[in-house]
C-alpha atoms as a PDB file:
ATOM      1  CA  UNK A   1      60.649  79.984 112.474  1.00  0.00           C
ATOM      2  CA  UNK A   2      63.275  77.418 114.505  1.00  0.00           C
ATOM      3  CA  UNK A   3      63.509  75.082 111.920  1.00  0.00           C
ATOM      4  CA  UNK A   4      64.195  77.405 108.901  1.00  0.00           C
ATOM      5  CA  UNK A   5      66.835  78.988 111.250  1.00  0.00           C
ATOM      6  CA  UNK A   6      68.345  75.760 111.721  1.00  0.00           C
ATOM      7  CA  UNK A   7      68.246  75.067 108.153  1.00  0.00           C
ATOM      8  CA  UNK A   8      70.033  78.235 107.359  1.00  0.00           C
ATOM      9  CA  UNK A   9      73.069  76.908 109.874  1.00  0.00           C
ATOM     10  CA  UNK A  10      73.336  73.772 108.370  1.00  0.00           C
ATOM     11  CA  UNK A  11      73.370  74.701 104.564  1.00  0.00           C
ATOM     12  CA  UNK A  12      76.081  77.228 105.984  1.00  0.00           C
ATOM     13  CA  UNK A  13      78.007  75.114 108.121  1.00  0.00           C
ATOM     14  CA  UNK A  14      77.860  71.667 106.598  1.00  0.00           C
ATOM     15  CA  UNK A  15      76.258  71.950 103.146  1.00  0.00           C
ATOM     16  CA  UNK A  16      78.820  74.310 101.712  1.00  0.00           C
ATOM     17  CA  UNK A  17      81.486  72.973 102.691  1.00  0.00           C
ATOM     18  CA  UNK A  18      80.489  69.714 101.804  1.00  0.00           C
ATOM     19  CA  UNK A  19      80.246  70.923  97.881  1.00  0.00           C
ATOM     20  CA  UNK A  20      83.833  72.032  97.986  1.00  0.00           C
ATOM     21  CA  UNK A  21      83.837  75.351  98.883  1.00  0.00           C
ATOM     22  CA  UNK A  22      86.082  76.384 101.674  1.00  0.00           C
ATOM     23  CA  UNK A  23      84.684  79.776 103.103  1.00  0.00           C
ATOM     24  CA  UNK A  24      84.331  80.218 106.608  1.00  0.00           C
ATOM     25  CA  UNK A  25      80.474  79.909 107.362  1.00  0.00           C
ATOM     26  CA  UNK A  26      80.436  83.139 109.324  1.00  0.00           C
ATOM     27  CA  UNK A  27      81.599  85.262 105.916  1.00  0.00           C
ATOM     28  CA  UNK A  28      78.927  83.501 103.971  1.00  0.00           C
ATOM     29  CA  UNK A  29      76.129  84.276 106.508  1.00  0.00           C
ATOM     30  CA  UNK A  30      77.163  87.817 106.814  1.00  0.00           C
ATOM     31  CA  UNK A  31      77.127  88.170 103.111  1.00  0.00           C
ATOM     32  CA  UNK A  32      73.788  86.496 103.019  1.00  0.00           C
ATOM     33  CA  UNK A  33      72.305  88.496 105.732  1.00  0.00           C
ATOM     34  CA  UNK A  34      73.719  91.540 104.003  1.00  0.00           C
ATOM     35  CA  UNK A  35      71.975  90.129 100.841  1.00  0.00           C
ATOM     36  CA  UNK A  36      68.889  89.714 101.805  1.00  0.00           C
ATOM     37  CA  UNK A  37      67.995  93.194 102.029  1.00  0.00           C
ATOM     38  CA  UNK A  38      68.634  93.609  98.516  1.00  0.00           C
ATOM     39  CA  UNK A  39      66.064  91.114  97.684  1.00  0.00           C
ATOM     40  CA  UNK A  40      63.802  92.673  94.846  1.00  0.00           C
ATOM     41  CA  UNK A  41      66.743  95.299  93.753  1.00  0.00           C
ATOM     42  CA  UNK A  42      68.934  95.820  91.165  1.00  0.00           C
ATOM     43  CA  UNK A  43      72.364  94.428  92.905  1.00  0.00           C
ATOM     44  CA  UNK A  44      75.112  97.008  92.987  1.00  0.00           C
ATOM     45  CA  UNK A  45      77.899  94.414  93.880  1.00  0.00           C
ATOM     46  CA  UNK A  46      81.027  97.142  94.625  1.00  0.00           C
ATOM     47  CA  UNK A  47      78.546  99.107  97.116  1.00  0.00           C
ATOM     48  CA  UNK A  48      77.519  95.711  99.008  1.00  0.00           C
ATOM     49  CA  UNK A  49      81.524  94.483  98.722  1.00  0.00           C
ATOM     50  CA  UNK A  50      82.442  97.919  99.811  1.00  0.00           C
ATOM     51  CA  UNK A  51      79.959  97.524 102.924  1.00  0.00           C
ATOM     52  CA  UNK A  52      81.285  94.041 104.010  1.00  0.00           C
ATOM     53  CA  UNK A  53      85.101  95.185 103.185  1.00  0.00           C
ATOM     54  CA  UNK A  54      85.189  91.835 100.222  1.00  0.00           C
ATOM     55  CA  UNK A  55      86.175  92.647  96.274  1.00  0.00           C
ATOM     56  CA  UNK A  56      83.545  92.605  93.773  1.00  0.00           C
ATOM     57  CA  UNK A  57      85.424  89.114  92.685  1.00  0.00           C
ATOM     58  CA  UNK A  58      84.328  87.639  95.803  1.00  0.00           C
ATOM     59  CA  UNK A  59      80.770  89.328  95.980  1.00  0.00           C
ATOM     60  CA  UNK A  60      80.315  87.573  92.650  1.00  0.00           C
ATOM     61  CA  UNK A  61      81.837  84.686  93.683  1.00  0.00           C
ATOM     62  CA  UNK A  62      79.819  84.022  96.733  1.00  0.00           C
ATOM     63  CA  UNK A  63      76.292  85.018  94.205  1.00  0.00           C
ATOM     64  CA  UNK A  64      77.652  82.372  92.167  1.00  0.00           C
ATOM     65  CA  UNK A  65      77.707  79.932  95.235  1.00  0.00           C
ATOM     66  CA  UNK A  66      74.109  81.014  96.173  1.00  0.00           C
ATOM     67  CA  UNK A  67      72.571  80.962  92.613  1.00  0.00           C
ATOM     68  CA  UNK A  68      74.291  77.398  91.929  1.00  0.00           C
ATOM     69  CA  UNK A  69      73.134  75.934  95.199  1.00  0.00           C
ATOM     70  CA  UNK A  70      69.465  77.403  94.459  1.00  0.00           C
ATOM     71  CA  UNK A  71      69.068  79.815  97.442  1.00  0.00           C
ATOM     72  CA  UNK A  72      68.800  83.053  95.189  1.00  0.00           C
ATOM     73  CA  UNK A  73      68.162  83.855  92.001  1.00  0.00           C
ATOM     74  CA  UNK A  74      69.818  85.823  89.425  1.00  0.00           C
ATOM     75  CA  UNK A  75      67.273  88.037  87.008  1.00  0.00           C
ATOM     76  CA  UNK A  76      69.262  89.477  84.344  1.00  0.00           C
ATOM     77  CA  UNK A  77      67.276  92.452  82.647  1.00  0.00           C
ATOM     78  CA  UNK A  78      65.674  92.006  79.173  1.00  0.00           C
ATOM     79  CA  UNK A  79      67.090  94.007  76.259  1.00  0.00           C
ATOM     80  CA  UNK A  80      64.986  95.171  73.154  1.00  0.00           C
ATOM     81  CA  UNK A  81      66.582  97.932  72.188  1.00  0.00           C
ATOM     82  CA  UNK A  82      70.536  97.605  73.864  1.00  0.00           C
ATOM     83  CA  UNK A  83      71.556 101.245  71.931  1.00  0.00           C
ATOM     84  CA  UNK A  84      69.264 102.920  74.715  1.00  0.00           C
ATOM     85  CA  UNK A  85      70.583 103.444  78.085  1.00  0.00           C
ATOM     86  CA  UNK A  86      69.184 100.777  80.460  1.00  0.00           C
ATOM     87  CA  UNK A  87      70.338  99.230  83.450  1.00  0.00           C
ATOM     88  CA  UNK A  88      72.092  96.205  82.595  1.00  0.00           C
ATOM     89  CA  UNK A  89      72.424  94.566  86.336  1.00  0.00           C
ATOM     90  CA  UNK A  90      70.210  91.457  87.609  1.00  0.00           C
ATOM     91  CA  UNK A  91      68.253  91.579  89.996  1.00  0.00           C
ATOM     92  CA  UNK A  92      68.578  89.365  93.475  1.00  0.00           C
ATOM     93  CA  UNK A  93      65.783  87.571  94.280  1.00  0.00           C
ATOM     94  CA  UNK A  94      65.558  84.734  97.147  1.00  0.00           C
ATOM     95  CA  UNK A  95      63.900  81.577  95.884  1.00  0.00           C
ATOM     96  CA  UNK A  96      62.223  80.785  98.776  1.00  0.00           C
ATOM     97  CA  UNK A  97      60.759  83.589 100.791  1.00  0.00           C
ATOM     98  CA  UNK A  98      60.635  81.449 103.977  1.00  0.00           C
ATOM     99  CA  UNK A  99      64.339  81.509 104.521  1.00  0.00           C
ATOM    100  CA  UNK A 100      64.480  85.327 103.553  1.00  0.00           C
ATOM    101  CA  UNK A 101      61.868  85.536 106.535  1.00  0.00           C
ATOM    102  CA  UNK A 102      64.117  83.737 108.626  1.00  0.00           C
ATOM    103  CA  UNK A 103      67.306  85.859 107.970  1.00  0.00           C
ATOM    104  CA  UNK A 104      65.680  88.909 108.319  1.00  0.00           C
ATOM    105  CA  UNK A 105      63.884  87.940 111.899  1.00  0.00           C
ATOM    106  CA  UNK A 106      60.417  88.066 110.389  1.00  0.00           C
ATOM    107  CA  UNK A 107      58.371  85.445 112.088  1.00  0.00           C
ATOM    108  CA  UNK A 108      54.766  86.642 111.638  1.00  0.00           C
ATOM    109  CA  UNK A 109      52.344  88.096 109.715  1.00  0.00           C
ATOM    110  CA  UNK A 110      52.121  91.556 111.538  1.00  0.00           C
ATOM    111  CA  UNK A 111      56.150  91.792 111.422  1.00  0.00           C
ATOM    112  CA  UNK A 112      56.022  90.588 107.777  1.00  0.00           C
ATOM    113  CA  UNK A 113      53.282  93.561 106.737  1.00  0.00           C
ATOM    114  CA  UNK A 114      55.329  96.567 108.752  1.00  0.00           C
ATOM    115  CA  UNK A 115      58.158  95.119 106.669  1.00  0.00           C
ATOM    116  CA  UNK A 116      58.855  98.487 104.614  1.00  0.00           C
ATOM    117  CA  UNK A 117      59.869  96.516 101.372  1.00  0.00           C
ATOM    118  CA  UNK A 118      56.959  94.287 101.636  1.00  0.00           C
ATOM    119  CA  UNK A 119      56.472  94.851  97.751  1.00  0.00           C
ATOM    120  CA  UNK A 120      59.574  93.167  96.930  1.00  0.00           C
ATOM    121  CA  UNK A 121      58.850  90.310  99.012  1.00  0.00           C
ATOM    122  CA  UNK A 122      55.277  89.963  97.107  1.00  0.00           C
ATOM    123  CA  UNK A 123      57.228  90.203  93.553  1.00  0.00           C
ATOM    124  CA  UNK A 124      60.027  87.518  94.598  1.00  0.00           C
ATOM    125  CA  UNK A 125      57.294  85.256  95.454  1.00  0.00           C
ATOM    126  CA  UNK A 126      54.668  85.704  92.382  1.00  0.00           C
ATOM    127  CA  UNK A 127      58.356  85.597  90.012  1.00  0.00           C
ATOM    128  CA  UNK A 128      58.998  81.836  91.660  1.00  0.00           C
ATOM    129  CA  UNK A 129      55.109  80.751  91.383  1.00  0.00           C
ATOM    130  CA  UNK A 130      54.998  82.113  87.851  1.00  0.00           C
ATOM    131  CA  UNK A 131      58.661  80.250  87.065  1.00  0.00           C
ATOM    132  CA  UNK A 132      57.138  77.059  88.682  1.00  0.00           C
ATOM    133  CA  UNK A 133      53.769  76.975  86.805  1.00  0.00           C
ATOM    134  CA  UNK A 134      55.094  77.691  83.181  1.00  0.00           C
ATOM    135  CA  UNK A 135      58.092  75.256  83.845  1.00  0.00           C
ATOM    136  CA  UNK A 136      60.221  78.213  82.791  1.00  0.00           C
ATOM    137  CA  UNK A 137      63.829  77.256  82.538  1.00  0.00           C
ATOM    138  CA  UNK A 138      67.043  79.206  83.049  1.00  0.00           C
ATOM    139  CA  UNK A 139      67.347  79.874  79.049  1.00  0.00           C
END
């Protein structure tokens, strides 16, 4: 757990700025922590922006940074019949379950099993394993 927390700190304080993004590490940390509660859920960027008092544009920018650095996966919905009313917002998944658990403070199996959204953890883990197994591309 200590290693994962140090990794998150290094990623936010050193790696993000070295990639050319001029965002205060505390802002992206708060965003990432809040986003961890959306793991496996449909992203509502307006709600997320309101809770952090940032614009929808900033939410999308932060998500693009985290997607581009392979920290989260944005799973867009699949449309078979676009004439029907469907959810058209993407789901958000953390690509590394260890980092997700570190952000949420889950440091042992009993804490994991007691977490109310354990199903979304399994869903995200299974998604990443299937993509890895079948060498699926983003396209």
